[in-house]
PDB file of N, CA and C in Angstrom:
ATOM      1  N   MET A   1     -53.487 -43.265  -1.769  1.00  0.00           N
ATOM      2  CA  MET A   1     -52.722 -42.492  -2.734  1.00  0.00           C
ATOM      3  C   MET A   1     -53.653 -41.803  -3.725  1.00  0.00           C
ATOM      4  N   ASN A   2     -54.618 -42.579  -4.254  1.00  0.00           N
ATOM      5  CA  ASN A   2     -55.565 -42.000  -5.196  1.00  0.00           C
ATOM      6  C   ASN A   2     -56.369 -40.872  -4.568  1.00  0.00           C
ATOM      7  N   ARG A   3     -56.675 -41.053  -3.283  1.00  0.00           N
ATOM      8  CA  ARG A   3     -57.434 -40.019  -2.580  1.00  0.00           C
ATOM      9  C   ARG A   3     -56.618 -38.728  -2.488  1.00  0.00           C
ATOM     10  N   SER A   4     -55.337 -38.843  -2.205  1.00  0.00           N
ATOM     11  CA  SER A   4     -54.468 -37.669  -2.117  1.00  0.00           C
ATOM     12  C   SER A   4     -54.373 -36.948  -3.458  1.00  0.00           C
ATOM     13  N   VAL A   5     -54.278 -37.712  -4.514  1.00  0.00           N
ATOM     14  CA  VAL A   5     -54.206 -37.124  -5.857  1.00  0.00           C
ATOM     15  C   VAL A   5     -55.513 -36.403  -6.165  1.00  0.00           C
ATOM     16  N   ALA A   6     -56.624 -37.005  -5.818  1.00  0.00           N
ATOM     17  CA  ALA A   6     -57.938 -36.397  -6.062  1.00  0.00           C
ATOM     18  C   ALA A   6     -58.095 -35.118  -5.244  1.00  0.00           C
ATOM     19  N   GLU A   7     -57.647 -35.149  -3.999  1.00  0.00           N
ATOM     20  CA  GLU A   7     -57.725 -33.963  -3.146  1.00  0.00           C
ATOM     21  C   GLU A   7     -56.834 -32.848  -3.687  1.00  0.00           C
ATOM     22  N   ALA A   8     -55.652 -33.214  -4.162  1.00  0.00           N
ATOM     23  CA  ALA A   8     -54.743 -32.220  -4.737  1.00  0.00           C
ATOM     24  C   ALA A   8     -55.350 -31.612  -6.003  1.00  0.00           C
ATOM     25  N   ALA A   9     -55.979 -32.448  -6.809  1.00  0.00           N
ATOM     26  CA  ALA A   9     -56.619 -31.963  -8.030  1.00  0.00           C
ATOM     27  C   ALA A   9     -57.764 -31.024  -7.693  1.00  0.00           C
ATOM     28  N   ALA A  10     -58.538 -31.364  -6.690  1.00  0.00           N
ATOM     29  CA  ALA A  10     -59.647 -30.500  -6.270  1.00  0.00           C
ATOM     30  C   ALA A  10     -59.109 -29.179  -5.734  1.00  0.00           C
ATOM     31  N   GLY A  11     -58.057 -29.249  -4.968  1.00  0.00           N
ATOM     32  CA  GLY A  11     -57.432 -28.027  -4.446  1.00  0.00           C
ATOM     33  C   GLY A  11     -56.896 -27.149  -5.559  1.00  0.00           C
ATOM     34  N   SER A  12     -56.297 -27.772  -6.561  1.00  0.00           N
ATOM     35  CA  SER A  12     -55.785 -27.015  -7.700  1.00  0.00           C
ATOM     36  C   SER A  12     -56.922 -26.338  -8.456  1.00  0.00           C
ATOM     37  N   GLY A  13     -58.044 -27.038  -8.571  1.00  0.00           N
ATOM     38  CA  GLY A  13     -59.213 -26.453  -9.230  1.00  0.00           C
ATOM     39  C   GLY A  13     -59.743 -25.255  -8.469  1.00  0.00           C
ATOM     40  N   GLN A  14     -59.749 -25.338  -7.156  1.00  0.00           N
ATOM     41  CA  GLN A  14     -60.204 -24.217  -6.329  1.00  0.00           C
ATOM     42  C   GLN A  14     -59.251 -23.034  -6.453  1.00  0.00           C
ATOM     43  N   ILE A  15     -57.968 -23.311  -6.488  1.00  0.00           N
ATOM     44  CA  ILE A  15     -56.978 -22.239  -6.655  1.00  0.00           C
ATOM     45  C   ILE A  15     -57.164 -21.560  -8.006  1.00  0.00           C
ATOM     46  N   ALA A  16     -57.377 -22.349  -9.047  1.00  0.00           N
ATOM     47  CA  ALA A  16     -57.586 -21.783 -10.381  1.00  0.00           C
ATOM     48  C   ALA A  16     -58.835 -20.913 -10.406  1.00  0.00           C
ATOM     49  N   ALA A  17     -59.896 -21.359  -9.763  1.00  0.00           N
ATOM     50  CA  ALA A  17     -61.131 -20.578  -9.703  1.00  0.00           C
ATOM     51  C   ALA A  17     -60.901 -19.268  -8.951  1.00  0.00           C
ATOM     52  N   ASN A  18     -60.135 -19.330  -7.868  1.00  0.00           N
ATOM     53  CA  ASN A  18     -59.829 -18.111  -7.109  1.00  0.00           C
ATOM     54  C   ASN A  18     -58.995 -17.141  -7.934  1.00  0.00           C
ATOM     55  N   ILE A  19     -58.048 -17.674  -8.680  1.00  0.00           N
ATOM     56  CA  ILE A  19     -57.219 -16.819  -9.532  1.00  0.00           C
ATOM     57  C   ILE A  19     -58.076 -16.151 -10.608  1.00  0.00           C
ATOM     58  N   ASP A  20     -59.021 -16.907 -11.166  1.00  0.00           N
ATOM     59  CA  ASP A  20     -59.944 -16.318 -12.143  1.00  0.00           C
ATOM     60  C   ASP A  20     -60.744 -15.186 -11.508  1.00  0.00           C
ATOM     61  N   GLY A  21     -61.181 -15.387 -10.282  1.00  0.00           N
ATOM     62  CA  GLY A  21     -61.931 -14.350  -9.566  1.00  0.00           C
ATOM     63  C   GLY A  21     -61.087 -13.108  -9.330  1.00  0.00           C
ATOM     64  N   VAL A  22     -59.847 -13.306  -8.939  1.00  0.00           N
ATOM     65  CA  VAL A  22     -58.945 -12.171  -8.713  1.00  0.00           C
ATOM     66  C   VAL A  22     -58.683 -11.436 -10.024  1.00  0.00           C
ATOM     67  N   ALA A  23     -58.502 -12.173 -11.107  1.00  0.00           N
ATOM     68  CA  ALA A  23     -58.274 -11.545 -12.415  1.00  0.00           C
ATOM     69  C   ALA A  23     -59.485 -10.736 -12.848  1.00  0.00           C
ATOM     70  N   ALA A  24     -60.673 -11.263 -12.626  1.00  0.00           N
ATOM     71  CA  ALA A  24     -61.897 -10.530 -12.981  1.00  0.00           C
ATOM     72  C   ALA A  24     -62.027  -9.268 -12.136  1.00  0.00           C
ATOM     73  N   ALA A  25     -61.703  -9.356 -10.869  1.00  0.00           N
ATOM     74  CA  ALA A  25     -61.769  -8.186  -9.996  1.00  0.00           C
ATOM     75  C   ALA A  25     -60.745  -7.135 -10.424  1.00  0.00           C
ATOM     76  N   ALA A  26     -59.559  -7.571 -10.804  1.00  0.00           N
ATOM     77  CA  ALA A  26     -58.529  -6.640 -11.259  1.00  0.00           C
ATOM     78  C   ALA A  26     -58.964  -5.945 -12.542  1.00  0.00           C
ATOM     79  N   LYS A  27     -59.592  -6.689 -13.440  1.00  0.00           N
ATOM     80  CA  LYS A  27     -60.077  -6.096 -14.690  1.00  0.00           C
ATOM     81  C   LYS A  27     -61.161  -5.056 -14.404  1.00  0.00           C
ATOM     82  N   ALA A  28     -62.092  -5.398 -13.534  1.00  0.00           N
ATOM     83  CA  ALA A  28     -63.161  -4.465 -13.178  1.00  0.00           C
ATOM     84  C   ALA A  28     -62.590  -3.220 -12.518  1.00  0.00           C
ATOM     85  N   THR A  29     -61.599  -3.398 -11.656  1.00  0.00           N
ATOM     86  CA  THR A  29     -60.967  -2.257 -10.994  1.00  0.00           C
ATOM     87  C   THR A  29     -60.305  -1.345 -12.013  1.00  0.00           C
ATOM     88  N   THR A  30     -59.604  -1.932 -12.971  1.00  0.00           N
ATOM     89  CA  THR A  30     -58.951  -1.152 -14.019  1.00  0.00           C
ATOM     90  C   THR A  30     -59.981  -0.351 -14.816  1.00  0.00           C
ATOM     91  N   GLU A  31     -61.089  -0.986 -15.151  1.00  0.00           N
ATOM     92  CA  GLU A  31     -62.137  -0.296 -15.902  1.00  0.00           C
ATOM     93  C   GLU A  31     -62.721   0.861 -15.092  1.00  0.00           C
ATOM     94  N   HIS A  32     -62.915   0.660 -13.793  1.00  0.00           N
ATOM     95  CA  HIS A  32     -63.460   1.719 -12.952  1.00  0.00           C
ATOM     96  C   HIS A  32     -62.464   2.862 -12.781  1.00  0.00           C
ATOM     97  N   VAL A  33     -61.198   2.536 -12.685  1.00  0.00           N
ATOM     98  CA  VAL A  33     -60.173   3.582 -12.575  1.00  0.00           C
ATOM     99  C   VAL A  33     -60.139   4.410 -13.852  1.00  0.00           C
ATOM    100  N   GLU A  34     -60.237   3.753 -15.003  1.00  0.00           N
ATOM    101  CA  GLU A  34     -60.244   4.477 -16.276  1.00  0.00           C
ATOM    102  C   GLU A  34     -61.467   5.385 -16.374  1.00  0.00           C
ATOM    103  N   ALA A  35     -62.622   4.896 -15.927  1.00  0.00           N
ATOM    104  CA  ALA A  35     -63.836   5.713 -15.949  1.00  0.00           C
ATOM    105  C   ALA A  35     -63.705   6.891 -14.991  1.00  0.00           C
ATOM    106  N   SER A  36     -63.108   6.671 -13.835  1.00  0.00           N
ATOM    107  CA  SER A  36     -62.908   7.752 -12.867  1.00  0.00           C
ATOM    108  C   SER A  36     -61.970   8.813 -13.415  1.00  0.00           C
ATOM    109  N   LYS A  37     -60.914   8.376 -14.100  1.00  0.00           N
ATOM    110  CA  LYS A  37     -59.978   9.334 -14.693  1.00  0.00           C
ATOM    111  C   LYS A  37     -60.663  10.155 -15.778  1.00  0.00           C
ATOM    112  N   ALA A  38     -61.484   9.511 -16.594  1.00  0.00           N
ATOM    113  CA  ALA A  38     -62.207  10.231 -17.641  1.00  0.00           C
ATOM    114  C   ALA A  38     -63.149  11.255 -17.016  1.00  0.00           C
ATOM    115  N   ALA A  39     -63.831  10.881 -15.944  1.00  0.00           N
ATOM    116  CA  ALA A  39     -64.732  11.807 -15.262  1.00  0.00           C
ATOM    117  C   ALA A  39     -63.958  12.969 -14.653  1.00  0.00           C
ATOM    118  N   ALA A  40     -62.805  12.688 -14.070  1.00  0.00           N
ATOM    119  CA  ALA A  40     -61.977  13.753 -13.490  1.00  0.00           C
ATOM    120  C   ALA A  40     -61.473  14.700 -14.570  1.00  0.00           C
ATOM    121  N   ASP A  41     -61.080  14.160 -15.715  1.00  0.00           N
ATOM    122  CA  ASP A  41     -60.636  15.005 -16.827  1.00  0.00           C
ATOM    123  C   ASP A  41     -61.763  15.912 -17.306  1.00  0.00           C
ATOM    124  N   GLU A  42     -62.957  15.349 -17.428  1.00  0.00           N
ATOM    125  CA  GLU A  42     -64.110  16.137 -17.867  1.00  0.00           C
ATOM    126  C   GLU A  42     -64.442  17.213 -16.838  1.00  0.00           C
ATOM    127  N   LEU A  43     -64.372  16.863 -15.570  1.00  0.00           N
ATOM    128  CA  LEU A  43     -64.636  17.833 -14.508  1.00  0.00           C
ATOM    129  C   LEU A  43     -63.623  18.969 -14.553  1.00  0.00           C
ATOM    130  N   ALA A  44     -62.369  18.660 -14.816  1.00  0.00           N
ATOM    131  CA  ALA A  44     -61.343  19.698 -14.915  1.00  0.00           C
ATOM    132  C   ALA A  44     -61.650  20.640 -16.077  1.00  0.00           C
ATOM    133  N   GLN A  45     -62.112  20.115 -17.186  1.00  0.00           N
ATOM    134  CA  GLN A  45     -62.472  20.957 -18.329  1.00  0.00           C
ATOM    135  C   GLN A  45     -63.662  21.853 -17.997  1.00  0.00           C
ATOM    136  N   VAL A  46     -64.673  21.276 -17.374  1.00  0.00           N
ATOM    137  CA  VAL A  46     -65.855  22.059 -16.994  1.00  0.00           C
ATOM    138  C   VAL A  46     -65.472  23.134 -15.991  1.00  0.00           C
ATOM    139  N   SER A  47     -64.611  22.793 -15.055  1.00  0.00           N
ATOM    140  CA  SER A  47     -64.150  23.758 -14.061  1.00  0.00           C
ATOM    141  C   SER A  47     -63.423  24.923 -14.725  1.00  0.00           C
ATOM    142  N   GLY A  48     -62.555  24.620 -15.679  1.00  0.00           N
ATOM    143  CA  GLY A  48     -61.840  25.676 -16.388  1.00  0.00           C
ATOM    144  C   GLY A  48     -62.787  26.587 -17.150  1.00  0.00           C
ATOM    145  N   ARG A  49     -63.770  25.987 -17.802  1.00  0.00           N
ATOM    146  CA  ARG A  49     -64.759  26.787 -18.550  1.00  0.00           C
ATOM    147  C   ARG A  49     -65.585  27.639 -17.602  1.00  0.00           C
ATOM    148  N   LEU A  50     -65.961  27.105 -16.458  1.00  0.00           N
ATOM    149  CA  LEU A  50     -66.727  27.853 -15.471  1.00  0.00           C
ATOM    150  C   LEU A  50     -65.918  29.030 -14.933  1.00  0.00           C
ATOM    151  N   GLN A  51     -64.633  28.815 -14.715  1.00  0.00           N
ATOM    152  CA  GLN A  51     -63.776  29.910 -14.253  1.00  0.00           C
ATOM    153  C   GLN A  51     -63.724  31.026 -15.300  1.00  0.00           C
ATOM    154  N   GLU A  52     -63.659  30.660 -16.557  1.00  0.00           N
ATOM    155  CA  GLU A  52     -63.665  31.664 -17.629  1.00  0.00           C
ATOM    156  C   GLU A  52     -64.968  32.454 -17.622  1.00  0.00           C
ATOM    157  N   LEU A  53     -66.079  31.757 -17.490  1.00  0.00           N
ATOM    158  CA  LEU A  53     -67.389  32.413 -17.491  1.00  0.00           C
ATOM    159  C   LEU A  53     -67.554  33.343 -16.292  1.00  0.00           C
ATOM    160  N   VAL A  54     -67.168  32.870 -15.123  1.00  0.00           N
ATOM    161  CA  VAL A  54     -67.286  33.687 -13.919  1.00  0.00           C
ATOM    162  C   VAL A  54     -66.334  34.881 -14.010  1.00  0.00           C
ATOM    163  N   GLY A  55     -65.189  34.694 -14.582  1.00  0.00           N
ATOM    164  CA  GLY A  55     -64.234  35.787 -14.760  1.00  0.00           C
ATOM    165  C   GLY A  55     -64.789  36.919 -15.599  1.00  0.00           C
ATOM    166  N   GLY A  56     -65.720  36.629 -16.470  1.00  0.00           N
ATOM    167  CA  GLY A  56     -66.337  37.666 -17.303  1.00  0.00           C
ATOM    168  C   GLY A  56     -67.233  38.601 -16.515  1.00  0.00           C
ATOM    169  N   PHE A  57     -67.638  38.221 -15.305  1.00  0.00           N
ATOM    170  CA  PHE A  57     -68.522  39.060 -14.491  1.00  0.00           C
ATOM    171  C   PHE A  57     -67.762  39.934 -13.496  1.00  0.00           C
ATOM    172  N   ARG A  58     -66.456  39.791 -13.454  1.00  0.00           N
ATOM    173  CA  ARG A  58     -65.668  40.591 -12.530  1.00  0.00           C
ATOM    174  C   ARG A  58     -65.394  41.969 -13.104  1.00  0.00           C
ATOM    175  N   PHE A  59     -65.277  42.964 -12.233  1.00  0.00           N
ATOM    176  CA  PHE A  59     -65.011  44.350 -12.678  1.00  0.00           C
ATOM    177  C   PHE A  59     -63.536  44.630 -12.697  1.00  0.00           C
TER     178      PHE A  59
END
């Protein structure tokens, strides 16, 4: 009986560690998505400015 309780406790500890790992991965993913969105927004601004500049050379 004690062995079963110990095994269950060890299993619960492993599950908790896995959940912590998944939470850390989700946080990192969120941070990377936010950085990607910021980069895309900046690229859109640069693209718009470039279109304005190139438009000045048209006849």
